[in-house]
Amino acid sequence: MKEANKLTINRISDGNRLTLALNGDLNTATALELGTFLNESLNGVTDLVFDFSGLKYISSAGMRVLLTTQKRMNSRGSMKITGASSNIIEIFDITGFTDIFTIK
């Protein structure tokens, strides 16, 4: 049995730019935490960057949070994903999300 999954969100603000470095697993248990964090953090943000260097896994619940956030950011600025592992990028490819997200 797997240990309880954890997600650490490190926030770096620079004016209207917000970078969120995610470490751990973005799954059903942690997607709600990220969604709540984003709801509280996006005021005034026009440039949102997700640093996935430390992200080990993403579930459909995590993808849903990203998709919802992308839709919000489309009307106010930009969102991009950096540092995603080949496994995360493969999930984005399979789901067609590489056409929706800006991945660097």
PDB file of N, CA and C in Angstrom:
ATOM      1  N   MET A   1       0.842  -1.186   0.000  1.00  0.00           N
ATOM      2  CA  MET A   1       0.000   0.000   0.000  1.00  0.00           C
ATOM      3  C   MET A   1       0.886   1.247   0.000  1.00  0.00           C
ATOM      4  N   LYS A   2       0.509   2.202  -0.802  1.00  0.00           N
ATOM      5  CA  LYS A   2       1.278   3.437  -0.936  1.00  0.00           C
ATOM      6  C   LYS A   2       1.006   4.386   0.224  1.00  0.00           C
ATOM      7  N   GLU A   3       2.047   5.101   0.631  1.00  0.00           N
ATOM      8  CA  GLU A   3       1.877   6.107   1.691  1.00  0.00           C
ATOM      9  C   GLU A   3       0.947   7.216   1.213  1.00  0.00           C
ATOM     10  N   ALA A   4       0.412   7.963   2.185  1.00  0.00           N
ATOM     11  CA  ALA A   4      -0.432   9.112   1.841  1.00  0.00           C
ATOM     12  C   ALA A   4       0.368  10.050   0.936  1.00  0.00           C
ATOM     13  N   ASN A   5      -0.247  10.455  -0.145  1.00  0.00           N
ATOM     14  CA  ASN A   5       0.427  11.332  -1.099  1.00  0.00           C
ATOM     15  C   ASN A   5       0.450  12.754  -0.574  1.00  0.00           C
ATOM     16  N   LYS A   6       1.527  13.421  -0.880  1.00  0.00           N
ATOM     17  CA  LYS A   6       1.665  14.802  -0.447  1.00  0.00           C
ATOM     18  C   LYS A   6       2.053  15.673  -1.624  1.00  0.00           C
ATOM     19  N   LEU A   7       1.642  16.917  -1.543  1.00  0.00           N
ATOM     20  CA  LEU A   7       2.006  17.906  -2.544  1.00  0.00           C
ATOM     21  C   LEU A   7       2.492  19.137  -1.805  1.00  0.00           C
ATOM     22  N   THR A   8       3.677  19.582  -2.161  1.00  0.00           N
ATOM     23  CA  THR A   8       4.215  20.815  -1.616  1.00  0.00           C
ATOM     24  C   THR A   8       4.132  21.874  -2.710  1.00  0.00           C
ATOM     25  N   ILE A   9       3.598  23.041  -2.353  1.00  0.00           N
ATOM     26  CA  ILE A   9       3.461  24.150  -3.302  1.00  0.00           C
ATOM     27  C   ILE A   9       4.357  25.282  -2.821  1.00  0.00           C
ATOM     28  N   ASN A  10       5.395  25.569  -3.592  1.00  0.00           N
ATOM     29  CA  ASN A  10       6.276  26.692  -3.279  1.00  0.00           C
ATOM     30  C   ASN A  10       5.904  27.852  -4.189  1.00  0.00           C
ATOM     31  N   ARG A  11       5.628  28.982  -3.579  1.00  0.00           N
ATOM     32  CA  ARG A  11       5.121  30.152  -4.296  1.00  0.00           C
ATOM     33  C   ARG A  11       6.217  31.214  -4.412  1.00  0.00           C
ATOM     34  N   ILE A  12       6.410  31.732  -5.637  1.00  0.00           N
ATOM     35  CA  ILE A  12       7.360  32.820  -5.873  1.00  0.00           C
ATOM     36  C   ILE A  12       6.607  33.911  -6.629  1.00  0.00           C
ATOM     37  N   SER A  13       6.393  35.039  -5.970  1.00  0.00           N
ATOM     38  CA  SER A  13       5.689  36.165  -6.594  1.00  0.00           C
ATOM     39  C   SER A  13       6.689  37.210  -7.042  1.00  0.00           C
ATOM     40  N   ASP A  14       6.461  37.751  -8.232  1.00  0.00           N
ATOM     41  CA  ASP A  14       7.292  38.831  -8.765  1.00  0.00           C
ATOM     42  C   ASP A  14       6.379  39.752  -9.568  1.00  0.00           C
ATOM     43  N   GLY A  15       5.826  40.748  -8.889  1.00  0.00           N
ATOM     44  CA  GLY A  15       4.873  41.649  -9.538  1.00  0.00           C
ATOM     45  C   GLY A  15       3.624  40.888  -9.932  1.00  0.00           C
ATOM     46  N   ASN A  16       3.286  40.940 -11.237  1.00  0.00           N
ATOM     47  CA  ASN A  16       2.101  40.244 -11.748  1.00  0.00           C
ATOM     48  C   ASN A  16       2.386  38.795 -12.126  1.00  0.00           C
ATOM     49  N   ARG A  17       3.629  38.364 -11.901  1.00  0.00           N
ATOM     50  CA  ARG A  17       4.018  36.991 -12.242  1.00  0.00           C
ATOM     51  C   ARG A  17       4.016  36.128 -10.982  1.00  0.00           C
ATOM     52  N   LEU A  18       3.404  34.953 -11.101  1.00  0.00           N
ATOM     53  CA  LEU A  18       3.377  33.990 -10.000  1.00  0.00           C
ATOM     54  C   LEU A  18       3.923  32.673 -10.512  1.00  0.00           C
ATOM     55  N   THR A  19       4.941  32.163  -9.844  1.00  0.00           N
ATOM     56  CA  THR A  19       5.501  30.854 -10.160  1.00  0.00           C
ATOM     57  C   THR A  19       5.158  29.915  -9.015  1.00  0.00           C
ATOM     58  N   LEU A  20       4.600  28.765  -9.364  1.00  0.00           N
ATOM     59  CA  LEU A  20       4.277  27.741  -8.374  1.00  0.00           C
ATOM     60  C   LEU A  20       5.085  26.489  -8.691  1.00  0.00           C
ATOM     61  N   ALA A  21       6.003  26.157  -7.786  1.00  0.00           N
ATOM     62  CA  ALA A  21       6.802  24.941  -7.928  1.00  0.00           C
ATOM     63  C   ALA A  21       6.099  23.836  -7.152  1.00  0.00           C
ATOM     64  N   LEU A  22       5.683  22.802  -7.873  1.00  0.00           N
ATOM     65  CA  LEU A  22       4.957  21.692  -7.259  1.00  0.00           C
ATOM     66  C   LEU A  22       5.904  20.520  -7.052  1.00  0.00           C
ATOM     67  N   ASN A  23       5.875  19.976  -5.841  1.00  0.00           N
ATOM     68  CA  ASN A  23       6.700  18.812  -5.513  1.00  0.00           C
ATOM     69  C   ASN A  23       5.809  17.718  -4.942  1.00  0.00           C
ATOM     70  N   GLY A  24       5.894  16.529  -5.527  1.00  0.00           N
ATOM     71  CA  GLY A  24       5.098  15.412  -5.040  1.00  0.00           C
ATOM     72  C   GLY A  24       4.112  14.936  -6.083  1.00  0.00           C
ATOM     73  N   ASP A  25       2.931  14.563  -5.616  1.00  0.00           N
ATOM     74  CA  ASP A  25       1.888  14.012  -6.488  1.00  0.00           C
ATOM     75  C   ASP A  25       0.692  14.945  -6.556  1.00  0.00           C
ATOM     76  N   LEU A  26       0.224  15.202  -7.776  1.00  0.00           N
ATOM     77  CA  LEU A  26      -1.001  15.975  -7.979  1.00  0.00           C
ATOM     78  C   LEU A  26      -2.084  14.967  -8.352  1.00  0.00           C
ATOM     79  N   ASN A  27      -2.847  14.550  -7.338  1.00  0.00           N
ATOM     80  CA  ASN A  27      -3.831  13.494  -7.524  1.00  0.00           C
ATOM     81  C   ASN A  27      -5.163  13.927  -6.930  1.00  0.00           C
ATOM     82  N   THR A  28      -6.078  12.988  -6.806  1.00  0.00           N
ATOM     83  CA  THR A  28      -7.403  13.303  -6.281  1.00  0.00           C
ATOM     84  C   THR A  28      -7.318  13.954  -4.904  1.00  0.00           C
ATOM     85  N   ALA A  29      -6.433  13.453  -4.072  1.00  0.00           N
ATOM     86  CA  ALA A  29      -6.310  13.980  -2.705  1.00  0.00           C
ATOM     87  C   ALA A  29      -5.710  15.376  -2.656  1.00  0.00           C
ATOM     88  N   THR A  30      -4.794  15.687  -3.587  1.00  0.00           N
ATOM     89  CA  THR A  30      -4.088  16.972  -3.515  1.00  0.00           C
ATOM     90  C   THR A  30      -4.610  18.010  -4.502  1.00  0.00           C
ATOM     91  N   ALA A  31      -5.422  17.596  -5.486  1.00  0.00           N
ATOM     92  CA  ALA A  31      -5.940  18.543  -6.480  1.00  0.00           C
ATOM     93  C   ALA A  31      -6.828  19.597  -5.831  1.00  0.00           C
ATOM     94  N   LEU A  32      -7.612  19.195  -4.854  1.00  0.00           N
ATOM     95  CA  LEU A  32      -8.470  20.149  -4.153  1.00  0.00           C
ATOM     96  C   LEU A  32      -7.632  21.197  -3.433  1.00  0.00           C
ATOM     97  N   GLU A  33      -6.546  20.755  -2.824  1.00  0.00           N
ATOM     98  CA  GLU A  33      -5.623  21.680  -2.147  1.00  0.00           C
ATOM     99  C   GLU A  33      -5.052  22.695  -3.129  1.00  0.00           C
ATOM    100  N   LEU A  34      -4.614  22.230  -4.300  1.00  0.00           N
ATOM    101  CA  LEU A  34      -4.068  23.140  -5.307  1.00  0.00           C
ATOM    102  C   LEU A  34      -5.145  24.085  -5.815  1.00  0.00           C
ATOM    103  N   GLY A  35      -6.342  23.577  -6.064  1.00  0.00           N
ATOM    104  CA  GLY A  35      -7.437  24.424  -6.538  1.00  0.00           C
ATOM    105  C   GLY A  35      -7.762  25.531  -5.552  1.00  0.00           C
ATOM    106  N   THR A  36      -7.820  25.190  -4.275  1.00  0.00           N
ATOM    107  CA  THR A  36      -8.076  26.188  -3.228  1.00  0.00           C
ATOM    108  C   THR A  36      -6.950  27.212  -3.190  1.00  0.00           C
ATOM    109  N   PHE A  37      -5.726  26.731  -3.266  1.00  0.00           N
ATOM    110  CA  PHE A  37      -4.557  27.619  -3.258  1.00  0.00           C
ATOM    111  C   PHE A  37      -4.622  28.594  -4.436  1.00  0.00           C
ATOM    112  N   LEU A  38      -4.965  28.089  -5.613  1.00  0.00           N
ATOM    113  CA  LEU A  38      -5.052  28.947  -6.802  1.00  0.00           C
ATOM    114  C   LEU A  38      -6.157  29.983  -6.657  1.00  0.00           C
ATOM    115  N   ASN A  39      -7.310  29.579  -6.130  1.00  0.00           N
ATOM    116  CA  ASN A  39      -8.408  30.527  -5.936  1.00  0.00           C
ATOM    117  C   ASN A  39      -8.001  31.684  -5.036  1.00  0.00           C
ATOM    118  N   GLU A  40      -7.135  31.406  -4.087  1.00  0.00           N
ATOM    119  CA  GLU A  40      -6.696  32.437  -3.145  1.00  0.00           C
ATOM    120  C   GLU A  40      -5.510  33.236  -3.666  1.00  0.00           C
ATOM    121  N   SER A  41      -4.856  32.772  -4.736  1.00  0.00           N
ATOM    122  CA  SER A  41      -3.577  33.354  -5.148  1.00  0.00           C
ATOM    123  C   SER A  41      -3.566  34.071  -6.490  1.00  0.00           C
ATOM    124  N   LEU A  42      -4.618  33.970  -7.290  1.00  0.00           N
ATOM    125  CA  LEU A  42      -4.550  34.480  -8.663  1.00  0.00           C
ATOM    126  C   LEU A  42      -4.962  35.936  -8.842  1.00  0.00           C
ATOM    127  N   ASN A  43      -5.440  36.588  -7.807  1.00  0.00           N
ATOM    128  CA  ASN A  43      -5.820  37.998  -7.954  1.00  0.00           C
ATOM    129  C   ASN A  43      -4.627  38.834  -8.399  1.00  0.00           C
ATOM    130  N   GLY A  44      -4.798  39.543  -9.510  1.00  0.00           N
ATOM    131  CA  GLY A  44      -3.737  40.411 -10.024  1.00  0.00           C
ATOM    132  C   GLY A  44      -2.663  39.693 -10.813  1.00  0.00           C
ATOM    133  N   VAL A  45      -2.736  38.386 -10.923  1.00  0.00           N
ATOM    134  CA  VAL A  45      -1.718  37.618 -11.651  1.00  0.00           C
ATOM    135  C   VAL A  45      -2.068  37.596 -13.134  1.00  0.00           C
ATOM    136  N   THR A  46      -1.106  38.008 -13.968  1.00  0.00           N
ATOM    137  CA  THR A  46      -1.294  37.964 -15.417  1.00  0.00           C
ATOM    138  C   THR A  46      -0.344  36.965 -16.082  1.00  0.00           C
ATOM    139  N   ASP A  47       0.640  36.486 -15.338  1.00  0.00           N
ATOM    140  CA  ASP A  47       1.620  35.535 -15.864  1.00  0.00           C
ATOM    141  C   ASP A  47       1.798  34.435 -14.822  1.00  0.00           C
ATOM    142  N   LEU A  48       1.234  33.264 -15.096  1.00  0.00           N
ATOM    143  CA  LEU A  48       1.295  32.138 -14.166  1.00  0.00           C
ATOM    144  C   LEU A  48       2.204  31.062 -14.733  1.00  0.00           C
ATOM    145  N   VAL A  49       3.160  30.637 -13.913  1.00  0.00           N
ATOM    146  CA  VAL A  49       4.097  29.592 -14.316  1.00  0.00           C
ATOM    147  C   VAL A  49       4.020  28.445 -13.307  1.00  0.00           C
ATOM    148  N   PHE A  50       3.811  27.248 -13.826  1.00  0.00           N
ATOM    149  CA  PHE A  50       3.891  26.042 -12.994  1.00  0.00           C
ATOM    150  C   PHE A  50       5.244  25.401 -13.252  1.00  0.00           C
ATOM    151  N   ASP A  51       6.043  25.241 -12.216  1.00  0.00           N
ATOM    152  CA  ASP A  51       7.316  24.532 -12.315  1.00  0.00           C
ATOM    153  C   ASP A  51       7.069  23.095 -11.857  1.00  0.00           C
ATOM    154  N   PHE A  52       7.110  22.174 -12.805  1.00  0.00           N
ATOM    155  CA  PHE A  52       6.819  20.768 -12.518  1.00  0.00           C
ATOM    156  C   PHE A  52       8.083  19.942 -12.301  1.00  0.00           C
ATOM    157  N   SER A  53       9.221  20.580 -12.066  1.00  0.00           N
ATOM    158  CA  SER A  53      10.477  19.850 -11.878  1.00  0.00           C
ATOM    159  C   SER A  53      10.377  18.789 -10.791  1.00  0.00           C
ATOM    160  N   GLY A  54       9.606  19.076  -9.742  1.00  0.00           N
ATOM    161  CA  GLY A  54       9.472  18.141  -8.635  1.00  0.00           C
ATOM    162  C   GLY A  54       8.178  17.342  -8.650  1.00  0.00           C
ATOM    163  N   LEU A  55       7.380  17.486  -9.719  1.00  0.00           N
ATOM    164  CA  LEU A  55       6.104  16.762  -9.790  1.00  0.00           C
ATOM    165  C   LEU A  55       6.361  15.340 -10.283  1.00  0.00           C
ATOM    166  N   LYS A  56       5.914  14.375  -9.506  1.00  0.00           N
ATOM    167  CA  LYS A  56       6.176  12.977  -9.827  1.00  0.00           C
ATOM    168  C   LYS A  56       5.006  12.306 -10.552  1.00  0.00           C
ATOM    169  N   TYR A  57       3.788  12.787 -10.298  1.00  0.00           N
ATOM    170  CA  TYR A  57       2.603  12.126 -10.835  1.00  0.00           C
ATOM    171  C   TYR A  57       1.479  13.145 -10.952  1.00  0.00           C
ATOM    172  N   ILE A  58       0.636  12.973 -11.985  1.00  0.00           N
ATOM    173  CA  ILE A  58      -0.559  13.801 -12.123  1.00  0.00           C
ATOM    174  C   ILE A  58      -1.726  12.909 -12.538  1.00  0.00           C
ATOM    175  N   SER A  59      -2.853  13.067 -11.854  1.00  0.00           N
ATOM    176  CA  SER A  59      -4.059  12.285 -12.152  1.00  0.00           C
ATOM    177  C   SER A  59      -5.029  13.142 -12.962  1.00  0.00           C
ATOM    178  N   SER A  60      -6.159  12.539 -13.310  1.00  0.00           N
ATOM    179  CA  SER A  60      -7.180  13.287 -14.046  1.00  0.00           C
ATOM    180  C   SER A  60      -7.712  14.448 -13.201  1.00  0.00           C
ATOM    181  N   ALA A  61      -7.773  14.282 -11.891  1.00  0.00           N
ATOM    182  CA  ALA A  61      -8.225  15.375 -11.022  1.00  0.00           C
ATOM    183  C   ALA A  61      -7.236  16.543 -11.081  1.00  0.00           C
ATOM    184  N   GLY A  62      -5.960  16.241 -11.125  1.00  0.00           N
ATOM    185  CA  GLY A  62      -4.943  17.279 -11.260  1.00  0.00           C
ATOM    186  C   GLY A  62      -5.023  17.967 -12.609  1.00  0.00           C
ATOM    187  N   MET A  63      -5.270  17.176 -13.652  1.00  0.00           N
ATOM    188  CA  MET A  63      -5.415  17.745 -14.999  1.00  0.00           C
ATOM    189  C   MET A  63      -6.607  18.694 -15.058  1.00  0.00           C
ATOM    190  N   ARG A  64      -7.691  18.319 -14.370  1.00  0.00           N
ATOM    191  CA  ARG A  64      -8.889  19.160 -14.341  1.00  0.00           C
ATOM    192  C   ARG A  64      -8.590  20.517 -13.703  1.00  0.00           C
ATOM    193  N   VAL A  65      -7.825  20.517 -12.623  1.00  0.00           N
ATOM    194  CA  VAL A  65      -7.453  21.781 -11.968  1.00  0.00           C
ATOM    195  C   VAL A  65      -6.625  22.635 -12.926  1.00  0.00           C
ATOM    196  N   LEU A  66      -5.695  22.025 -13.629  1.00  0.00           N
ATOM    197  CA  LEU A  66      -4.879  22.772 -14.595  1.00  0.00           C
ATOM    198  C   LEU A  66      -5.726  23.336 -15.727  1.00  0.00           C
ATOM    199  N   LEU A  67      -6.665  22.535 -16.229  1.00  0.00           N
ATOM    200  CA  LEU A  67      -7.534  22.986 -17.317  1.00  0.00           C
ATOM    201  C   LEU A  67      -8.403  24.160 -16.880  1.00  0.00           C
ATOM    202  N   THR A  68      -8.975  24.067 -15.690  1.00  0.00           N
ATOM    203  CA  THR A  68      -9.790  25.155 -15.135  1.00  0.00           C
ATOM    204  C   THR A  68      -8.949  26.418 -14.979  1.00  0.00           C
ATOM    205  N   THR A  69      -7.722  26.249 -14.512  1.00  0.00           N
ATOM    206  CA  THR A  69      -6.823  27.388 -14.315  1.00  0.00           C
ATOM    207  C   THR A  69      -6.430  27.996 -15.653  1.00  0.00           C
ATOM    208  N   GLN A  70      -6.182  27.146 -16.660  1.00  0.00           N
ATOM    209  CA  GLN A  70      -5.848  27.647 -17.994  1.00  0.00           C
ATOM    210  C   GLN A  70      -6.978  28.502 -18.546  1.00  0.00           C
ATOM    211  N   LYS A  71      -8.217  28.039 -18.364  1.00  0.00           N
ATOM    212  CA  LYS A  71      -9.370  28.814 -18.843  1.00  0.00           C
ATOM    213  C   LYS A  71      -9.444  30.167 -18.146  1.00  0.00           C
ATOM    214  N   ARG A  72      -9.170  30.198 -16.845  1.00  0.00           N
ATOM    215  CA  ARG A  72      -9.168  31.473 -16.107  1.00  0.00           C
ATOM    216  C   ARG A  72      -8.060  32.400 -16.606  1.00  0.00           C
ATOM    217  N   MET A  73      -6.886  31.822 -16.845  1.00  0.00           N
ATOM    218  CA  MET A  73      -5.750  32.643 -17.259  1.00  0.00           C
ATOM    219  C   MET A  73      -5.885  33.124 -18.703  1.00  0.00           C
ATOM    220  N   ASN A  74      -6.631  32.424 -19.538  1.00  0.00           N
ATOM    221  CA  ASN A  74      -6.829  32.863 -20.926  1.00  0.00           C
ATOM    222  C   ASN A  74      -7.428  34.257 -20.993  1.00  0.00           C
ATOM    223  N   SER A  75      -8.261  34.605 -20.034  1.00  0.00           N
ATOM    224  CA  SER A  75      -8.924  35.910 -20.059  1.00  0.00           C
ATOM    225  C   SER A  75      -8.115  36.998 -19.363  1.00  0.00           C
ATOM    226  N   ARG A  76      -7.020  36.640 -18.729  1.00  0.00           N
ATOM    227  CA  ARG A  76      -6.262  37.653 -17.981  1.00  0.00           C
ATOM    228  C   ARG A  76      -4.779  37.689 -18.264  1.00  0.00           C
ATOM    229  N   GLY A  77      -4.281  36.736 -19.043  1.00  0.00           N
ATOM    230  CA  GLY A  77      -2.842  36.718 -19.311  1.00  0.00           C
ATOM    231  C   GLY A  77      -2.401  35.370 -19.836  1.00  0.00           C
ATOM    232  N   SER A  78      -1.327  34.840 -19.259  1.00  0.00           N
ATOM    233  CA  SER A  78      -0.771  33.598 -19.785  1.00  0.00           C
ATOM    234  C   SER A  78      -0.477  32.610 -18.661  1.00  0.00           C
ATOM    235  N   MET A  79      -0.401  31.344 -19.063  1.00  0.00           N
ATOM    236  CA  MET A  79      -0.035  30.268 -18.149  1.00  0.00           C
ATOM    237  C   MET A  79       0.888  29.336 -18.901  1.00  0.00           C
ATOM    238  N   LYS A  80       1.966  28.920 -18.261  1.00  0.00           N
ATOM    239  CA  LYS A  80       2.846  27.941 -18.887  1.00  0.00           C
ATOM    240  C   LYS A  80       3.343  26.947 -17.857  1.00  0.00           C
ATOM    241  N   ILE A  81       3.768  25.814 -18.360  1.00  0.00           N
ATOM    242  CA  ILE A  81       4.276  24.730 -17.532  1.00  0.00           C
ATOM    243  C   ILE A  81       5.729  24.507 -17.915  1.00  0.00           C
ATOM    244  N   THR A  82       6.602  24.459 -16.922  1.00  0.00           N
ATOM    245  CA  THR A  82       8.014  24.219 -17.166  1.00  0.00           C
ATOM    246  C   THR A  82       8.478  23.014 -16.348  1.00  0.00           C
ATOM    247  N   GLY A  83       9.578  22.423 -16.777  1.00  0.00           N
ATOM    248  CA  GLY A  83      10.234  21.375 -16.006  1.00  0.00           C
ATOM    249  C   GLY A  83       9.501  20.054 -15.911  1.00  0.00           C
ATOM    250  N   ALA A  84       8.511  19.811 -16.765  1.00  0.00           N
ATOM    251  CA  ALA A  84       7.743  18.564 -16.687  1.00  0.00           C
ATOM    252  C   ALA A  84       8.608  17.390 -17.139  1.00  0.00           C
ATOM    253  N   SER A  85       8.509  16.279 -16.422  1.00  0.00           N
ATOM    254  CA  SER A  85       9.246  15.070 -16.773  1.00  0.00           C
ATOM    255  C   SER A  85       8.646  14.455 -18.038  1.00  0.00           C
ATOM    256  N   SER A  86       9.372  13.526 -18.627  1.00  0.00           N
ATOM    257  CA  SER A  86       8.875  12.861 -19.829  1.00  0.00           C
ATOM    258  C   SER A  86       7.581  12.084 -19.528  1.00  0.00           C
ATOM    259  N   ASN A  87       7.443  11.560 -18.315  1.00  0.00           N
ATOM    260  CA  ASN A  87       6.212  10.844 -17.951  1.00  0.00           C
ATOM    261  C   ASN A  87       5.011  11.779 -17.915  1.00  0.00           C
ATOM    262  N   ILE A  88       5.192  12.977 -17.357  1.00  0.00           N
ATOM    263  CA  ILE A  88       4.097  13.962 -17.293  1.00  0.00           C
ATOM    264  C   ILE A  88       3.764  14.441 -18.710  1.00  0.00           C
ATOM    265  N   ILE A  89       4.771  14.705 -19.512  1.00  0.00           N
ATOM    266  CA  ILE A  89       4.538  15.156 -20.886  1.00  0.00           C
ATOM    267  C   ILE A  89       3.817  14.077 -21.686  1.00  0.00           C
ATOM    268  N   GLU A  90       4.150  12.817 -21.441  1.00  0.00           N
ATOM    269  CA  GLU A  90       3.460  11.720 -22.125  1.00  0.00           C
ATOM    270  C   GLU A  90       1.969  11.702 -21.772  1.00  0.00           C
ATOM    271  N   ILE A  91       1.651  11.956 -20.514  1.00  0.00           N
ATOM    272  CA  ILE A  91       0.241  12.035 -20.096  1.00  0.00           C
ATOM    273  C   ILE A  91      -0.454  13.194 -20.814  1.00  0.00           C
ATOM    274  N   PHE A  92       0.228  14.348 -20.910  1.00  0.00           N
ATOM    275  CA  PHE A  92      -0.338  15.487 -21.636  1.00  0.00           C
ATOM    276  C   PHE A  92      -0.551  15.131 -23.111  1.00  0.00           C
ATOM    277  N   ASP A  93       0.406  14.417 -23.711  1.00  0.00           N
ATOM    278  CA  ASP A  93       0.289  14.007 -25.116  1.00  0.00           C
ATOM    279  C   ASP A  93      -0.908  13.090 -25.326  1.00  0.00           C
ATOM    280  N   ILE A  94      -1.034  12.073 -24.492  1.00  0.00           N
ATOM    281  CA  ILE A  94      -2.104  11.079 -24.625  1.00  0.00           C
ATOM    282  C   ILE A  94      -3.479  11.729 -24.494  1.00  0.00           C
ATOM    283  N   THR A  95      -3.591  12.693 -23.584  1.00  0.00           N
ATOM    284  CA  THR A  95      -4.884  13.340 -23.337  1.00  0.00           C
ATOM    285  C   THR A  95      -5.164  14.499 -24.290  1.00  0.00           C
ATOM    286  N   GLY A  96      -4.185  14.884 -25.094  1.00  0.00           N
ATOM    287  CA  GLY A  96      -4.356  16.008 -26.007  1.00  0.00           C
ATOM    288  C   GLY A  96      -4.128  17.357 -25.343  1.00  0.00           C
ATOM    289  N   PHE A  97      -3.666  17.348 -24.096  1.00  0.00           N
ATOM    290  CA  PHE A  97      -3.465  18.600 -23.370  1.00  0.00           C
ATOM    291  C   PHE A  97      -2.241  19.375 -23.843  1.00  0.00           C
ATOM    292  N   THR A  98      -1.365  18.747 -24.620  1.00  0.00           N
ATOM    293  CA  THR A  98      -0.218  19.499 -25.152  1.00  0.00           C
ATOM    294  C   THR A  98      -0.700  20.567 -26.124  1.00  0.00           C
ATOM    295  N   ASP A  99      -1.902  20.387 -26.675  1.00  0.00           N
ATOM    296  CA  ASP A  99      -2.461  21.402 -27.574  1.00  0.00           C
ATOM    297  C   ASP A  99      -3.114  22.542 -26.799  1.00  0.00           C
ATOM    298  N   ILE A 100      -3.388  22.323 -25.523  1.00  0.00           N
ATOM    299  CA  ILE A 100      -4.071  23.327 -24.698  1.00  0.00           C
ATOM    300  C   ILE A 100      -3.076  24.144 -23.878  1.00  0.00           C
ATOM    301  N   PHE A 101      -2.059  23.456 -23.338  1.00  0.00           N
ATOM    302  CA  PHE A 101      -1.095  24.113 -22.441  1.00  0.00           C
ATOM    303  C   PHE A 101       0.151  24.542 -23.201  1.00  0.00           C
ATOM    304  N   THR A 102       0.766  25.614 -22.702  1.00  0.00           N
ATOM    305  CA  THR A 102       2.085  26.003 -23.176  1.00  0.00           C
ATOM    306  C   THR A 102       3.085  25.293 -22.275  1.00  0.00           C
ATOM    307  N   ILE A 103       3.857  24.390 -22.872  1.00  0.00           N
ATOM    308  CA  ILE A 103       4.809  23.587 -22.101  1.00  0.00           C
ATOM    309  C   ILE A 103       6.203  23.924 -22.605  1.00  0.00           C
ATOM    310  N   LYS A 104       7.049  24.356 -21.696  1.00  0.00           N
ATOM    311  CA  LYS A 104       8.441  24.735 -22.046  1.00  0.00           C
ATOM    312  C   LYS A 104       9.415  23.758 -21.435  1.00  0.00           C
TER     313      LYS A 104
END
